[in-house]
């Protein structure tokens, strides 16, 4: 019986550790518990939240100085949500590889210019 109780308590603790932290409801300590958010960012979040709840991730990114889309994605991966919603990137197309940019920069000789030579 004791083993079952301890197992149940351990499961509750594990569930609490992985629970999402909603930016509109969290305390400073709960925000600090998200990896990457320290006292400075949590105080900025709380100051902006005093002006009104965050509507969505873009509102959060626009209002909180020092938080861009990259940080928002990291915070979301660590369990932060806005109104229960995880961050979704806005980029529809994947980034082009660096080699593709180099290939575009090189001029391509056309048939007309080759004929002149």
Protein backbone atom coordinates (compact mmCIF):
# COMPACT_ATOMS: atom_id res chain seq x y z
CA UNK A 1 0.00 0.00 0.00
CA UNK A 2 2.83 2.39 0.85
CA UNK A 3 4.48 1.72 -2.50
CA UNK A 4 1.26 2.63 -4.32
CA UNK A 5 0.95 5.87 -2.39
CA UNK A 6 4.58 6.80 -3.10
CA UNK A 7 4.15 5.95 -6.77
CA UNK A 8 1.03 8.12 -6.94
CA UNK A 9 2.81 11.05 -5.27
CA UNK A 10 5.75 10.65 -7.66
CA UNK A 11 3.39 10.73 -10.66
CA UNK A 12 1.69 13.87 -9.35
CA UNK A 13 5.07 15.52 -8.88
CA UNK A 14 6.15 14.55 -12.41
CA UNK A 15 2.91 15.91 -13.86
CA UNK A 16 3.38 19.19 -11.99
CA UNK A 17 6.92 19.53 -13.32
CA UNK A 18 5.77 19.20 -16.92
CA UNK A 19 2.66 21.33 -16.54
CA UNK A 20 2.37 24.32 -18.84
CA UNK A 21 2.89 27.78 -17.42
CA UNK A 22 0.39 30.28 -18.82
CA UNK A 23 1.92 33.73 -19.16
CA UNK A 24 -1.39 35.42 -18.24
CA UNK A 25 -1.82 33.52 -14.96
CA UNK A 26 1.71 32.74 -13.75
CA UNK A 27 3.41 34.29 -10.77
CA UNK A 28 6.98 35.59 -10.94
CA UNK A 29 8.23 32.33 -9.41
CA UNK A 30 6.35 30.24 -11.96
CA UNK A 31 7.74 32.33 -14.81
CA UNK A 32 11.25 31.98 -13.36
CA UNK A 33 10.80 28.21 -13.36
CA UNK A 34 10.68 28.23 -17.18
CA UNK A 35 14.17 27.60 -18.53
CA UNK A 36 15.49 30.79 -20.13
CA UNK A 37 13.29 33.19 -18.18
CA UNK A 38 15.07 34.95 -15.36
CA UNK A 39 14.03 37.68 -12.93
CA UNK A 40 14.56 40.42 -15.52
CA UNK A 41 12.29 38.95 -18.18
CA UNK A 42 9.69 37.79 -15.66
CA UNK A 43 9.43 41.33 -14.25
CA UNK A 44 9.01 42.72 -17.79
CA UNK A 45 6.27 40.16 -18.43
CA UNK A 46 4.47 41.05 -15.20
CA UNK A 47 4.77 44.80 -15.91
CA UNK A 48 3.26 44.37 -19.37
CA UNK A 49 0.56 42.06 -18.03
CA UNK A 50 -0.56 44.82 -15.64
CA UNK A 51 -1.56 46.79 -18.75
CA UNK A 52 -3.72 43.88 -19.91
CA UNK A 53 -3.53 40.18 -20.63
CA UNK A 54 -1.61 38.97 -23.67
CA UNK A 55 -3.98 38.09 -26.51
CA UNK A 56 -1.64 35.75 -28.36
CA UNK A 57 2.05 35.05 -28.98
CA UNK A 58 2.49 37.96 -31.38
CA UNK A 59 1.08 40.33 -28.76
CA UNK A 60 3.48 38.82 -26.21
CA UNK A 61 6.51 39.20 -28.52
CA UNK A 62 5.58 42.78 -29.44
CA UNK A 63 5.00 43.97 -25.88
CA UNK A 64 7.81 42.29 -23.93
CA UNK A 65 11.17 43.89 -24.74
CA UNK A 66 13.98 41.38 -25.22
CA UNK A 67 11.71 38.56 -26.35
CA UNK A 68 11.72 37.78 -30.05
CA UNK A 69 10.31 34.87 -32.00
CA UNK A 70 13.40 32.77 -31.28
CA UNK A 71 13.07 33.21 -27.52
CA UNK A 72 9.32 32.71 -27.73
CA UNK A 73 9.86 29.36 -29.44
CA UNK A 74 12.39 28.33 -26.77
CA UNK A 75 10.08 29.39 -23.94
CA UNK A 76 7.20 27.50 -25.53
CA UNK A 77 9.33 24.37 -25.81
CA UNK A 78 10.04 24.70 -22.09
CA UNK A 79 6.31 24.84 -21.26
CA UNK A 80 5.27 28.51 -21.55
CA UNK A 81 1.89 29.16 -23.17
CA UNK A 82 -0.23 32.20 -23.99
CA UNK A 83 -3.88 31.48 -23.25
CA UNK A 84 -3.03 27.77 -23.25
CA UNK A 85 -1.56 27.90 -26.76
CA UNK A 86 2.05 26.94 -27.58
CA UNK A 87 4.11 29.14 -29.91
CA UNK A 88 3.84 28.42 -33.62
CA UNK A 89 6.37 29.88 -36.02
CA UNK A 90 5.00 32.32 -38.58
CA UNK A 91 7.43 31.36 -41.33
CA UNK A 92 5.52 29.40 -43.95
CA UNK A 93 8.56 28.60 -46.08
CA UNK A 94 11.69 27.00 -44.63
CA UNK A 95 14.87 29.05 -44.68
CA UNK A 96 17.06 28.57 -47.73
CA UNK A 97 20.45 26.96 -47.10
CA UNK A 98 23.48 29.24 -47.09
CA UNK A 99 24.90 27.57 -50.20
CA UNK A 100 21.79 28.52 -52.17
CA UNK A 101 22.36 32.21 -51.40
CA UNK A 102 25.94 31.96 -52.69
CA UNK A 103 24.76 30.33 -55.89
CA UNK A 104 22.23 33.13 -56.46
CA UNK A 105 24.91 35.80 -56.01
CA UNK A 106 27.12 34.47 -58.82
CA UNK A 107 26.34 36.01 -62.22
CA UNK A 108 25.24 33.56 -64.86
CA UNK A 109 26.61 34.03 -68.36
CA UNK A 110 23.89 34.17 -70.95
CA UNK A 111 24.12 32.71 -74.44
CA UNK A 112 24.15 36.23 -75.96
CA UNK A 113 27.14 37.37 -73.92
CA UNK A 114 28.99 34.16 -74.70
CA UNK A 115 28.41 34.69 -78.43
CA UNK A 116 29.94 38.20 -78.28
CA UNK A 117 33.23 36.82 -77.00
